[in-house]
Amino acid sequence: MAEEEPRVEATHNQPVKMTEEDEKKLRREEGTPSKGYGYAVRDRREALCASIVIFLLLAGITALTVWLVYRPHKPKFRVVSAAVYELNATSPPFISTTMQFTVVTRNPNKRVSIFYDQLSAFVSYKNQAITPPVILPPLFHETKSTVALSPVLGGSALPVTAEVVNGLMMDEAYGVVGLRLVLTGKLRYKAGAIRSRRYGVYVRCDLFVGLKRGFVGQLPLLGSPACIVDV
C-alpha cells in the first residue's frame, strides 16, 4: 500500500491558504465593493452632473427669454412749460427764487410698469443749485402711459458764487436764461408679479427760457430738448 501523506491540521499559529473562491466569498460577506459597484457609482455621478448642467442651461435660456420679452426701456422726460414767480439776487451772493415746471414723463414699455419713490427735484444755473431740493410724492407709471408733474421749486434763499449772480444778471439783461431742472430718486420695474430691485435714476433737463429782469409769470421756452435719463 502506498504510504499516506501526513495530514496537516490548521492551528492558531499556522496560516491557512485561501482559494480564489474563498476570497470572493469573503469580499461579498464583508461588503467589499467590486468593479461593477465602482462603475455604478461613477455612472450615477455622471448622470447627476449632466442633470445639473441641463437644469442650469434651461434656467439660463428661460431667464434670457424672459429678459428679451420684458426687457425694460428707460422712461422719457420732457419739460413742456416753465414759470417764475420770484427771482432775486442779493449781496453777499444769495439767490431767492420760486419757479414751477411742468414735466411730462412717458413709460414706453408695453409689459413693464415703473414705480418711482424718493424722488426730488431742484433747479441749477451754471452747475450750482439755485433752489433747495423738493421731495416729490411716489409715482406709479402704468405701461404705455404719460404722466405730468408740476412741482413748485424754491422759496428760500441759497448761497451762490458771485459768478452765478453776475451771470444771471447778464442773461436777464439779454433776455435768455439757461436753466437745468434735475430730478433724482429710485425706480423699480414691475412685470406681472415680478419686481426688480431699486435702481437710481438721474434726470437732467437743460432748457432756455425767455426771461427779463423783474418779469414774473409764464415763461416762453426757447429750447427744451428731451431730458437725459440715466438709470
Protein backbone atom coordinates (compact mmCIF):
# COMPACT_ATOMS: atom_id res chain seq x y z
CA MET A 1 0.00 0.00 0.00
CA ALA A 2 1.12 3.50 -0.77
CA GLU A 3 2.16 5.43 2.15
CA GLU A 4 -0.38 8.18 3.02
CA GLU A 5 0.80 11.76 3.10
CA PRO A 6 0.72 13.22 6.55
CA ARG A 7 -2.32 15.46 7.19
CA VAL A 8 -1.62 18.96 8.28
CA GLU A 9 -4.17 20.37 10.62
CA ALA A 10 -4.61 24.13 10.95
CA THR A 11 -3.78 25.54 14.26
CA HIS A 12 -3.99 29.02 15.64
CA ASN A 13 -0.31 29.52 14.89
CA GLN A 14 -0.39 28.30 11.26
CA PRO A 15 -1.89 30.38 8.37
CA VAL A 16 -4.31 28.68 6.06
CA LYS A 17 -4.01 29.38 2.35
CA MET A 18 -7.33 30.57 0.93
CA THR A 19 -8.55 29.70 -2.51
CA GLU A 20 -9.85 32.30 -5.01
CA GLU A 21 -13.44 31.20 -4.35
CA ASP A 22 -12.92 31.72 -0.63
CA GLU A 23 -11.59 35.28 -1.24
CA LYS A 24 -14.61 36.18 -3.39
CA LYS A 25 -16.98 34.79 -0.78
CA LEU A 26 -15.19 36.74 1.97
CA ARG A 27 -15.38 40.02 -0.02
CA ARG A 28 -19.11 39.55 -0.54
CA GLU A 29 -19.64 38.89 3.15
CA GLU A 30 -17.55 41.91 4.19
CA GLY A 31 -19.22 44.25 1.67
CA THR A 32 -16.05 44.96 -0.28
CA PRO A 33 -17.06 46.89 -3.44
CA SER A 34 -16.46 45.10 -6.66
CA LYS A 35 -15.56 46.67 -10.03
CA GLY A 36 -19.22 46.66 -11.06
CA TYR A 37 -20.15 48.65 -7.97
CA GLY A 38 -17.48 51.28 -8.76
CA TYR A 39 -18.80 51.65 -12.29
CA ALA A 40 -22.34 52.12 -10.97
CA VAL A 41 -21.23 54.90 -8.59
CA ARG A 42 -19.38 56.68 -11.37
CA ASP A 43 -22.38 56.40 -13.68
CA ARG A 44 -24.64 57.94 -11.02
CA ARG A 45 -22.23 60.83 -10.52
CA GLU A 46 -22.05 61.49 -14.26
CA ALA A 47 -25.84 61.39 -14.51
CA LEU A 48 -26.14 63.86 -11.60
CA CYS A 49 -23.63 66.25 -13.18
CA ALA A 50 -25.41 66.03 -16.52
CA SER A 51 -28.74 66.78 -14.83
CA ILE A 52 -27.28 69.85 -13.10
CA VAL A 53 -25.79 71.13 -16.36
CA ILE A 54 -29.10 70.64 -18.21
CA PHE A 55 -31.01 72.39 -15.41
CA LEU A 56 -28.66 75.39 -15.44
CA LEU A 57 -28.83 75.57 -19.23
CA LEU A 58 -32.64 75.53 -19.22
CA ALA A 59 -32.74 78.12 -16.42
CA GLY A 60 -30.41 80.38 -18.41
CA ILE A 61 -32.50 80.02 -21.55
CA THR A 62 -35.66 80.80 -19.58
CA ALA A 63 -34.10 83.88 -17.96
CA LEU A 64 -32.85 85.11 -21.34
CA THR A 65 -36.29 84.63 -22.88
CA VAL A 66 -38.00 86.50 -20.05
CA TRP A 67 -35.45 89.31 -20.30
CA LEU A 68 -35.95 89.63 -24.07
CA VAL A 69 -39.74 89.68 -23.68
CA TYR A 70 -39.90 92.01 -20.66
CA ARG A 71 -36.71 94.00 -21.25
CA PRO A 72 -37.48 97.41 -19.72
CA HIS A 73 -36.73 100.63 -21.57
CA LYS A 74 -35.82 103.81 -19.74
CA PRO A 75 -38.62 106.33 -19.15
CA LYS A 76 -38.67 109.55 -21.14
CA PHE A 77 -38.93 113.07 -19.69
CA ARG A 78 -39.53 116.47 -21.28
CA VAL A 79 -40.20 119.95 -19.86
CA VAL A 80 -43.27 121.47 -21.54
CA SER A 81 -43.74 124.70 -19.54
CA ALA A 82 -41.97 126.93 -17.03
CA ALA A 83 -42.98 129.86 -14.84
CA VAL A 84 -41.12 132.17 -12.46
CA TYR A 85 -42.81 133.88 -9.51
CA GLU A 86 -39.74 135.31 -7.82
CA LEU A 87 -36.10 135.76 -8.70
CA ASN A 88 -33.94 137.97 -6.52
CA ALA A 89 -30.20 138.19 -6.07
CA THR A 90 -28.74 139.93 -3.01
CA SER A 91 -25.27 140.73 -1.72
CA PRO A 92 -23.45 138.84 -0.26
CA PRO A 93 -24.31 136.46 -3.09
CA PHE A 94 -27.65 134.83 -2.33
CA ILE A 95 -30.42 133.85 -4.74
CA SER A 96 -34.05 133.59 -3.72
CA THR A 97 -36.40 132.24 -6.37
CA THR A 98 -39.70 130.44 -6.83
CA MET A 99 -40.22 128.53 -10.07
CA GLN A 100 -42.64 125.97 -11.44
CA PHE A 101 -42.01 123.47 -14.19
CA THR A 102 -44.38 121.07 -15.88
CA VAL A 103 -42.59 117.84 -16.78
CA VAL A 104 -44.18 115.15 -18.91
CA THR A 105 -42.85 111.64 -18.38
CA ARG A 106 -43.60 108.71 -20.66
CA ASN A 107 -43.33 104.98 -19.93
CA PRO A 108 -42.57 103.40 -23.33
CA ASN A 109 -42.81 99.79 -22.12
CA LYS A 110 -45.67 97.54 -23.25
CA ARG A 111 -45.37 94.95 -20.47
CA VAL A 112 -43.38 96.71 -17.75
CA SER A 113 -44.70 99.36 -15.37
CA ILE A 114 -42.48 101.69 -13.32
CA PHE A 115 -42.72 102.68 -9.67
CA TYR A 116 -40.82 105.79 -8.54
CA ASP A 117 -40.01 106.69 -4.97
CA GLN A 118 -37.62 109.01 -3.14
CA LEU A 119 -38.00 111.49 -5.99
CA SER A 120 -36.68 115.01 -5.53
CA ALA A 121 -36.21 118.00 -7.84
CA PHE A 122 -34.16 121.19 -7.90
CA VAL A 123 -33.04 123.86 -10.36
CA SER A 124 -29.44 124.70 -11.13
CA TYR A 125 -27.72 127.52 -13.01
CA LYS A 126 -24.13 127.21 -14.19
CA ASN A 127 -23.89 123.88 -12.31
CA GLN A 128 -24.91 125.45 -8.98
CA ALA A 129 -28.24 124.79 -7.28
CA ILE A 130 -30.42 127.89 -7.02
CA THR A 131 -33.35 126.10 -5.32
CA PRO A 132 -33.28 123.59 -2.46
CA PRO A 133 -34.35 120.02 -3.28
CA VAL A 134 -38.10 119.42 -3.08
CA ILE A 135 -39.39 115.95 -2.24
CA LEU A 136 -41.98 114.67 -4.72
CA PRO A 137 -44.70 112.10 -3.93
CA PRO A 138 -44.27 108.49 -5.09
CA LEU A 139 -45.39 107.82 -8.64
CA PHE A 140 -46.69 104.62 -10.25
CA HIS A 141 -46.31 104.64 -14.02
CA GLU A 142 -48.56 102.23 -15.90
CA THR A 143 -47.44 100.63 -19.15
CA LYS A 144 -47.58 102.87 -22.22
CA SER A 145 -48.81 105.82 -20.17
CA THR A 146 -47.94 109.50 -19.83
CA VAL A 147 -47.90 111.45 -16.54
CA ALA A 148 -47.42 115.18 -15.97
CA LEU A 149 -45.64 116.61 -12.92
CA SER A 150 -45.75 120.29 -11.94
CA PRO A 151 -43.53 120.84 -8.90
CA VAL A 152 -43.09 124.31 -7.40
CA LEU A 153 -39.43 124.81 -6.52
CA GLY A 154 -37.61 127.36 -4.41
CA GLY A 155 -38.95 129.67 -1.75
CA SER A 156 -35.80 130.12 0.31
CA ALA A 157 -32.51 131.88 -0.35
CA LEU A 158 -29.42 129.84 -1.20
CA PRO A 159 -25.79 130.97 -1.10
CA VAL A 160 -24.16 131.07 -4.54
CA THR A 161 -20.96 132.36 -6.06
CA ALA A 162 -20.56 135.83 -7.47
CA GLU A 163 -20.18 134.23 -10.91
CA VAL A 164 -23.74 132.89 -10.68
CA VAL A 165 -25.21 136.25 -9.61
CA ASN A 166 -23.33 138.20 -12.29
CA GLY A 167 -24.10 135.64 -14.98
CA LEU A 168 -27.80 135.61 -14.12
CA MET A 169 -27.97 139.41 -14.26
CA MET A 170 -26.27 139.45 -17.66
CA ASP A 171 -28.59 136.73 -19.03
CA GLU A 172 -31.66 138.59 -17.77
CA ALA A 173 -30.45 141.74 -19.49
CA TYR A 174 -30.06 139.77 -22.70
CA GLY A 175 -33.44 138.12 -22.23
CA VAL A 176 -32.40 134.45 -22.41
CA VAL A 177 -31.54 132.33 -19.34
CA GLY A 178 -30.27 128.77 -19.46
CA LEU A 179 -31.52 126.59 -16.61
CA ARG A 180 -31.26 122.95 -15.66
CA LEU A 181 -34.03 121.01 -13.95
CA VAL A 182 -32.74 117.94 -12.12
CA LEU A 183 -34.79 115.02 -10.79
CA THR A 184 -33.24 112.24 -8.77
CA GLY A 185 -34.63 109.22 -6.96
CA LYS A 186 -35.21 105.49 -7.16
CA LEU A 187 -37.28 103.39 -9.51
CA ARG A 188 -38.38 99.76 -9.77
CA TYR A 189 -39.64 97.88 -12.79
CA LYS A 190 -42.70 95.67 -12.42
CA ALA A 191 -43.73 92.95 -14.88
CA GLY A 192 -46.73 90.99 -13.62
CA ALA A 193 -45.87 89.65 -10.19
CA ILE A 194 -42.13 90.21 -10.73
CA ARG A 195 -40.49 93.31 -9.28
CA SER A 196 -36.93 94.37 -9.91
CA ARG A 197 -34.57 95.78 -7.34
CA ARG A 198 -34.38 99.55 -6.89
CA TYR A 199 -32.30 101.48 -9.40
CA GLY A 200 -31.05 105.01 -9.02
CA VAL A 201 -32.47 107.42 -11.60
CA TYR A 202 -30.98 110.78 -12.57
CA VAL A 203 -32.90 113.05 -14.97
CA ARG A 204 -31.25 116.16 -16.41
CA CYS A 205 -33.40 118.66 -18.35
CA ASP A 206 -31.50 121.54 -19.96
CA LEU A 207 -33.68 124.37 -21.24
CA PHE A 208 -33.58 128.01 -22.27
CA VAL A 209 -36.32 130.40 -21.18
CA GLY A 210 -37.13 133.94 -22.19
CA LEU A 211 -36.71 135.96 -19.00
CA LYS A 212 -36.24 139.68 -18.45
CA ARG A 213 -35.33 141.16 -15.09
CA GLY A 214 -38.39 141.80 -12.95
CA PHE A 215 -40.71 139.61 -15.03
CA VAL A 216 -42.99 137.11 -13.27
CA GLY A 217 -45.38 134.58 -14.78
CA GLN A 218 -45.31 132.00 -17.55
CA LEU A 219 -42.03 131.90 -19.45
CA PRO A 220 -41.61 131.11 -23.13
CA LEU A 221 -39.49 128.02 -23.75
CA LEU A 222 -36.86 128.88 -26.34
CA GLY A 223 -35.29 125.44 -26.31
CA SER A 224 -36.28 122.32 -24.44
CA PRO A 225 -34.93 119.09 -25.90
CA ALA A 226 -35.74 115.72 -24.40
CA CYS A 227 -34.22 115.23 -20.95
CA ILE A 228 -31.25 112.93 -20.45
CA VAL A 229 -32.20 109.94 -18.26
CA ASP A 230 -29.61 107.78 -16.51
CA VAL A 231 -30.73 104.61 -14.70
